[in-house]
Amino acid sequence: TEISMPTDLTELIITLERTRCLGTCPVYKLTISGDGTVVYEGKDFVKVKGMKKSRVSPLKIREA
């Protein structure tokens, strides 16, 4: 199945979230916006806790 990328990425939001389990599963959320904003929120059982923000080129998002 092929997914077509919209020409306007301003409303694009991609989120990956891992939630709690009965053991020591990592709990975090990663959000990538079409404008290149990347937000990581580490909660439990992760190496980096807290919120971190970064940016990637919107061209890289289009390539993905």
PDB file of N, CA and C in Angstrom:
ATOM      1  N   THR A   1       0.837  -1.171   0.000  1.00  0.00           N
ATOM      2  CA  THR A   1       0.000   0.000   0.000  1.00  0.00           C
ATOM      3  C   THR A   1       0.881   1.232   0.000  1.00  0.00           C
ATOM      4  N   GLU A   2       0.597   2.154  -0.884  1.00  0.00           N
ATOM      5  CA  GLU A   2       1.367   3.394  -0.963  1.00  0.00           C
ATOM      6  C   GLU A   2       0.561   4.522  -0.361  1.00  0.00           C
ATOM      7  N   ILE A   3       1.226   5.353   0.445  1.00  0.00           N
ATOM      8  CA  ILE A   3       0.586   6.503   1.069  1.00  0.00           C
ATOM      9  C   ILE A   3       1.080   7.743   0.357  1.00  0.00           C
ATOM     10  N   SER A   4       0.169   8.585  -0.086  1.00  0.00           N
ATOM     11  CA  SER A   4       0.592   9.811  -0.759  1.00  0.00           C
ATOM     12  C   SER A   4       0.761  10.920   0.267  1.00  0.00           C
ATOM     13  N   MET A   5       1.834  11.698   0.096  1.00  0.00           N
ATOM     14  CA  MET A   5       2.147  12.782   1.004  1.00  0.00           C
ATOM     15  C   MET A   5       1.431  14.041   0.528  1.00  0.00           C
ATOM     16  N   PRO A   6       0.724  14.744   1.420  1.00  0.00           N
ATOM     17  CA  PRO A   6       0.074  15.983   1.005  1.00  0.00           C
ATOM     18  C   PRO A   6       1.113  17.042   0.635  1.00  0.00           C
ATOM     19  N   THR A   7       0.737  17.962  -0.217  1.00  0.00           N
ATOM     20  CA  THR A   7       1.680  19.014  -0.617  1.00  0.00           C
ATOM     21  C   THR A   7       1.887  20.031   0.489  1.00  0.00           C
ATOM     22  N   ASP A   8       0.883  20.265   1.332  1.00  0.00           N
ATOM     23  CA  ASP A   8       0.989  21.198   2.449  1.00  0.00           C
ATOM     24  C   ASP A   8       1.134  20.404   3.741  1.00  0.00           C
ATOM     25  N   LEU A   9       2.311  20.484   4.352  1.00  0.00           N
ATOM     26  CA  LEU A   9       2.571  19.692   5.556  1.00  0.00           C
ATOM     27  C   LEU A   9       2.312  20.450   6.850  1.00  0.00           C
ATOM     28  N   THR A  10       1.788  21.664   6.798  1.00  0.00           N
ATOM     29  CA  THR A  10       1.641  22.472   8.004  1.00  0.00           C
ATOM     30  C   THR A  10       0.723  21.831   9.042  1.00  0.00           C
ATOM     31  N   GLU A  11      -0.216  21.014   8.637  1.00  0.00           N
ATOM     32  CA  GLU A  11      -1.128  20.382   9.586  1.00  0.00           C
ATOM     33  C   GLU A  11      -0.746  18.938   9.911  1.00  0.00           C
ATOM     34  N   LEU A  12       0.357  18.472   9.357  1.00  0.00           N
ATOM     35  CA  LEU A  12       0.801  17.095   9.602  1.00  0.00           C
ATOM     36  C   LEU A  12       1.367  16.948  11.007  1.00  0.00           C
ATOM     37  N   ILE A  13       0.928  15.932  11.732  1.00  0.00           N
ATOM     38  CA  ILE A  13       1.479  15.599  13.047  1.00  0.00           C
ATOM     39  C   ILE A  13       1.619  14.084  13.106  1.00  0.00           C
ATOM     40  N   ILE A  14       2.839  13.637  13.410  1.00  0.00           N
ATOM     41  CA  ILE A  14       3.120  12.211  13.552  1.00  0.00           C
ATOM     42  C   ILE A  14       3.489  11.974  15.013  1.00  0.00           C
ATOM     43  N   THR A  15       2.824  11.029  15.669  1.00  0.00           N
ATOM     44  CA  THR A  15       3.074  10.767  17.084  1.00  0.00           C
ATOM     45  C   THR A  15       3.338   9.286  17.303  1.00  0.00           C
ATOM     46  N   LEU A  16       4.389   9.025  18.087  1.00  0.00           N
ATOM     47  CA  LEU A  16       4.695   7.672  18.549  1.00  0.00           C
ATOM     48  C   LEU A  16       4.671   7.739  20.067  1.00  0.00           C
ATOM     49  N   GLU A  17       3.836   6.906  20.685  1.00  0.00           N
ATOM     50  CA  GLU A  17       3.725   6.929  22.142  1.00  0.00           C
ATOM     51  C   GLU A  17       3.784   5.510  22.684  1.00  0.00           C
ATOM     52  N   ARG A  18       4.643   5.336  23.679  1.00  0.00           N
ATOM     53  CA  ARG A  18       4.711   4.053  24.393  1.00  0.00           C
ATOM     54  C   ARG A  18       4.202   4.299  25.795  1.00  0.00           C
ATOM     55  N   THR A  19       3.266   3.458  26.237  1.00  0.00           N
ATOM     56  CA  THR A  19       2.637   3.652  27.541  1.00  0.00           C
ATOM     57  C   THR A  19       3.071   2.561  28.521  1.00  0.00           C
ATOM     58  N   ARG A  20       2.603   2.692  29.723  1.00  0.00           N
ATOM     59  CA  ARG A  20       2.987   1.782  30.808  1.00  0.00           C
ATOM     60  C   ARG A  20       2.609   0.328  30.518  1.00  0.00           C
ATOM     61  N   CYS A  21       3.380  -0.545  31.127  1.00  0.00           N
ATOM     62  CA  CYS A  21       3.072  -1.972  31.095  1.00  0.00           C
ATOM     63  C   CYS A  21       3.181  -2.477  32.531  1.00  0.00           C
ATOM     64  N   LEU A  22       3.125  -3.767  32.720  1.00  0.00           N
ATOM     65  CA  LEU A  22       3.216  -4.322  34.071  1.00  0.00           C
ATOM     66  C   LEU A  22       4.654  -4.405  34.578  1.00  0.00           C
ATOM     67  N   GLY A  23       5.626  -4.115  33.721  1.00  0.00           N
ATOM     68  CA  GLY A  23       7.031  -4.201  34.115  1.00  0.00           C
ATOM     69  C   GLY A  23       7.724  -2.853  34.001  1.00  0.00           C
ATOM     70  N   THR A  24       8.890  -2.877  33.374  1.00  0.00           N
ATOM     71  CA  THR A  24       9.710  -1.671  33.259  1.00  0.00           C
ATOM     72  C   THR A  24       9.779  -1.171  31.811  1.00  0.00           C
ATOM     73  N   CYS A  25       8.666  -1.181  31.144  1.00  0.00           N
ATOM     74  CA  CYS A  25       8.622  -0.703  29.757  1.00  0.00           C
ATOM     75  C   CYS A  25       8.900   0.800  29.714  1.00  0.00           C
ATOM     76  N   PRO A  26       9.652   1.254  28.704  1.00  0.00           N
ATOM     77  CA  PRO A  26       9.867   2.692  28.558  1.00  0.00           C
ATOM     78  C   PRO A  26       8.544   3.418  28.298  1.00  0.00           C
ATOM     79  N   VAL A  27       8.367   4.571  28.942  1.00  0.00           N
ATOM     80  CA  VAL A  27       7.176   5.384  28.764  1.00  0.00           C
ATOM     81  C   VAL A  27       7.628   6.718  28.180  1.00  0.00           C
ATOM     82  N   TYR A  28       7.250   6.968  26.935  1.00  0.00           N
ATOM     83  CA  TYR A  28       7.657   8.209  26.283  1.00  0.00           C
ATOM     84  C   TYR A  28       6.709   8.532  25.140  1.00  0.00           C
ATOM     85  N   LYS A  29       6.851   9.761  24.641  1.00  0.00           N
ATOM     86  CA  LYS A  29       6.045  10.214  23.507  1.00  0.00           C
ATOM     87  C   LYS A  29       6.950  11.042  22.604  1.00  0.00           C
ATOM     88  N   LEU A  30       6.871  10.804  21.320  1.00  0.00           N
ATOM     89  CA  LEU A  30       7.647  11.528  20.325  1.00  0.00           C
ATOM     90  C   LEU A  30       6.670  12.082  19.292  1.00  0.00           C
ATOM     91  N   THR A  31       6.734  13.393  19.079  1.00  0.00           N
ATOM     92  CA  THR A  31       5.840  14.046  18.122  1.00  0.00           C
ATOM     93  C   THR A  31       6.666  14.812  17.103  1.00  0.00           C
ATOM     94  N   ILE A  32       6.365  14.594  15.834  1.00  0.00           N
ATOM     95  CA  ILE A  32       7.035  15.294  14.741  1.00  0.00           C
ATOM     96  C   ILE A  32       5.961  16.048  13.963  1.00  0.00           C
ATOM     97  N   SER A  33       6.157  17.347  13.822  1.00  0.00           N
ATOM     98  CA  SER A  33       5.206  18.185  13.090  1.00  0.00           C
ATOM     99  C   SER A  33       5.716  18.452  11.685  1.00  0.00           C
ATOM    100  N   GLY A  34       4.797  18.770  10.802  1.00  0.00           N
ATOM    101  CA  GLY A  34       5.136  19.005   9.414  1.00  0.00           C
ATOM    102  C   GLY A  34       6.105  20.152   9.184  1.00  0.00           C
ATOM    103  N   ASP A  35       6.186  21.077  10.150  1.00  0.00           N
ATOM    104  CA  ASP A  35       7.120  22.197  10.014  1.00  0.00           C
ATOM    105  C   ASP A  35       8.535  21.842  10.467  1.00  0.00           C
ATOM    106  N   GLY A  36       8.722  20.595  10.916  1.00  0.00           N
ATOM    107  CA  GLY A  36      10.046  20.139  11.317  1.00  0.00           C
ATOM    108  C   GLY A  36      10.278  20.120  12.821  1.00  0.00           C
ATOM    109  N   THR A  37       9.302  20.545  13.602  1.00  0.00           N
ATOM    110  CA  THR A  37       9.431  20.537  15.061  1.00  0.00           C
ATOM    111  C   THR A  37       9.356  19.107  15.577  1.00  0.00           C
ATOM    112  N   VAL A  38      10.297  18.748  16.452  1.00  0.00           N
ATOM    113  CA  VAL A  38      10.322  17.420  17.070  1.00  0.00           C
ATOM    114  C   VAL A  38      10.272  17.621  18.582  1.00  0.00           C
ATOM    115  N   VAL A  39       9.322  16.952  19.253  1.00  0.00           N
ATOM    116  CA  VAL A  39       9.191  17.050  20.706  1.00  0.00           C
ATOM    117  C   VAL A  39       9.241  15.643  21.290  1.00  0.00           C
ATOM    118  N   TYR A  40      10.155  15.447  22.247  1.00  0.00           N
ATOM    119  CA  TYR A  40      10.303  14.171  22.960  1.00  0.00           C
ATOM    120  C   TYR A  40       9.892  14.412  24.402  1.00  0.00           C
ATOM    121  N   GLU A  41       9.045  13.538  24.938  1.00  0.00           N
ATOM    122  CA  GLU A  41       8.649  13.603  26.335  1.00  0.00           C
ATOM    123  C   GLU A  41       8.955  12.256  26.988  1.00  0.00           C
ATOM    124  N   GLY A  42      10.040  12.186  27.750  1.00  0.00           N
ATOM    125  CA  GLY A  42      10.411  10.962  28.455  1.00  0.00           C
ATOM    126  C   GLY A  42       9.814  10.948  29.842  1.00  0.00           C
ATOM    127  N   LYS A  43       9.163   9.852  30.211  1.00  0.00           N
ATOM    128  CA  LYS A  43       8.482   9.801  31.508  1.00  0.00           C
ATOM    129  C   LYS A  43       9.116   8.790  32.453  1.00  0.00           C
ATOM    130  N   ASP A  44       9.046   7.516  32.144  1.00  0.00           N
ATOM    131  CA  ASP A  44       9.568   6.483  33.049  1.00  0.00           C
ATOM    132  C   ASP A  44      10.374   5.453  32.273  1.00  0.00           C
ATOM    133  N   PHE A  45      11.390   4.906  32.941  1.00  0.00           N
ATOM    134  CA  PHE A  45      12.218   3.832  32.404  1.00  0.00           C
ATOM    135  C   PHE A  45      12.866   4.217  31.067  1.00  0.00           C
ATOM    136  N   VAL A  46      13.260   5.487  30.969  1.00  0.00           N
ATOM    137  CA  VAL A  46      13.966   5.991  29.791  1.00  0.00           C
ATOM    138  C   VAL A  46      15.276   6.625  30.250  1.00  0.00           C
ATOM    139  N   LYS A  47      16.217   6.712  29.356  1.00  0.00           N
ATOM    140  CA  LYS A  47      17.515   7.302  29.675  1.00  0.00           C
ATOM    141  C   LYS A  47      17.403   8.812  29.890  1.00  0.00           C
ATOM    142  N   VAL A  48      16.550   9.476  29.090  1.00  0.00           N
ATOM    143  CA  VAL A  48      16.368  10.923  29.184  1.00  0.00           C
ATOM    144  C   VAL A  48      14.927  11.212  29.597  1.00  0.00           C
ATOM    145  N   LYS A  49      14.749  11.799  30.788  1.00  0.00           N
ATOM    146  CA  LYS A  49      13.413  12.164  31.260  1.00  0.00           C
ATOM    147  C   LYS A  49      13.170  13.639  31.011  1.00  0.00           C
ATOM    148  N   GLY A  50      11.901  13.985  30.845  1.00  0.00           N
ATOM    149  CA  GLY A  50      11.531  15.372  30.622  1.00  0.00           C
ATOM    150  C   GLY A  50      11.265  15.650  29.160  1.00  0.00           C
ATOM    151  N   MET A  51      11.066  16.942  28.865  1.00  0.00           N
ATOM    152  CA  MET A  51      10.740  17.347  27.502  1.00  0.00           C
ATOM    153  C   MET A  51      11.975  17.915  26.824  1.00  0.00           C
ATOM    154  N   LYS A  52      12.199  17.494  25.602  1.00  0.00           N
ATOM    155  CA  LYS A  52      13.278  17.989  24.762  1.00  0.00           C
ATOM    156  C   LYS A  52      12.685  18.385  23.427  1.00  0.00           C
ATOM    157  N   LYS A  53      13.120  19.517  22.903  1.00  0.00           N
ATOM    158  CA  LYS A  53      12.634  19.975  21.601  1.00  0.00           C
ATOM    159  C   LYS A  53      13.805  20.104  20.639  1.00  0.00           C
ATOM    160  N   SER A  54      13.526  19.835  19.385  1.00  0.00           N
ATOM    161  CA  SER A  54      14.526  19.947  18.336  1.00  0.00           C
ATOM    162  C   SER A  54      13.807  20.242  17.022  1.00  0.00           C
ATOM    163  N   ARG A  55      14.595  20.362  15.962  1.00  0.00           N
ATOM    164  CA  ARG A  55      14.012  20.596  14.638  1.00  0.00           C
ATOM    165  C   ARG A  55      14.740  19.737  13.611  1.00  0.00           C
ATOM    166  N   VAL A  56      14.008  19.331  12.618  1.00  0.00           N
ATOM    167  CA  VAL A  56      14.581  18.676  11.453  1.00  0.00           C
ATOM    168  C   VAL A  56      14.086  19.432  10.226  1.00  0.00           C
ATOM    169  N   SER A  57      14.767  19.283   9.144  1.00  0.00           N
ATOM    170  CA  SER A  57      14.358  19.951   7.921  1.00  0.00           C
ATOM    171  C   SER A  57      13.025  19.388   7.444  1.00  0.00           C
ATOM    172  N   PRO A  58      12.082  20.258   7.092  1.00  0.00           N
ATOM    173  CA  PRO A  58      10.819  19.758   6.531  1.00  0.00           C
ATOM    174  C   PRO A  58      11.042  18.882   5.294  1.00  0.00           C
ATOM    175  N   LEU A  59      12.156  19.093   4.601  1.00  0.00           N
ATOM    176  CA  LEU A  59      12.472  18.236   3.446  1.00  0.00           C
ATOM    177  C   LEU A  59      12.696  16.795   3.904  1.00  0.00           C
ATOM    178  N   LYS A  60      13.312  16.607   5.081  1.00  0.00           N
ATOM    179  CA  LYS A  60      13.524  15.254   5.607  1.00  0.00           C
ATOM    180  C   LYS A  60      12.188  14.579   5.913  1.00  0.00           C
ATOM    181  N   ILE A  61      11.235  15.342   6.390  1.00  0.00           N
ATOM    182  CA  ILE A  61       9.915  14.787   6.661  1.00  0.00           C
ATOM    183  C   ILE A  61       9.260  14.349   5.362  1.00  0.00           C
ATOM    184  N   ARG A  62       9.386  15.160   4.359  1.00  0.00           N
ATOM    185  CA  ARG A  62       8.808  14.808   3.057  1.00  0.00           C
ATOM    186  C   ARG A  62       9.452  13.563   2.487  1.00  0.00           C
ATOM    187  N   GLU A  63      10.776  13.366   2.729  1.00  0.00           N
ATOM    188  CA  GLU A  63      11.478  12.186   2.222  1.00  0.00           C
ATOM    189  C   GLU A  63      11.024  10.907   2.913  1.00  0.00           C
ATOM    190  N   ALA A  64      10.591  11.020   4.167  1.00  0.00           N
ATOM    191  CA  ALA A  64      10.208   9.841   4.932  1.00  0.00           C
ATOM    192  C   ALA A  64       8.967   9.299   4.426  1.00  0.00           C
TER     193      ALA A  64
END
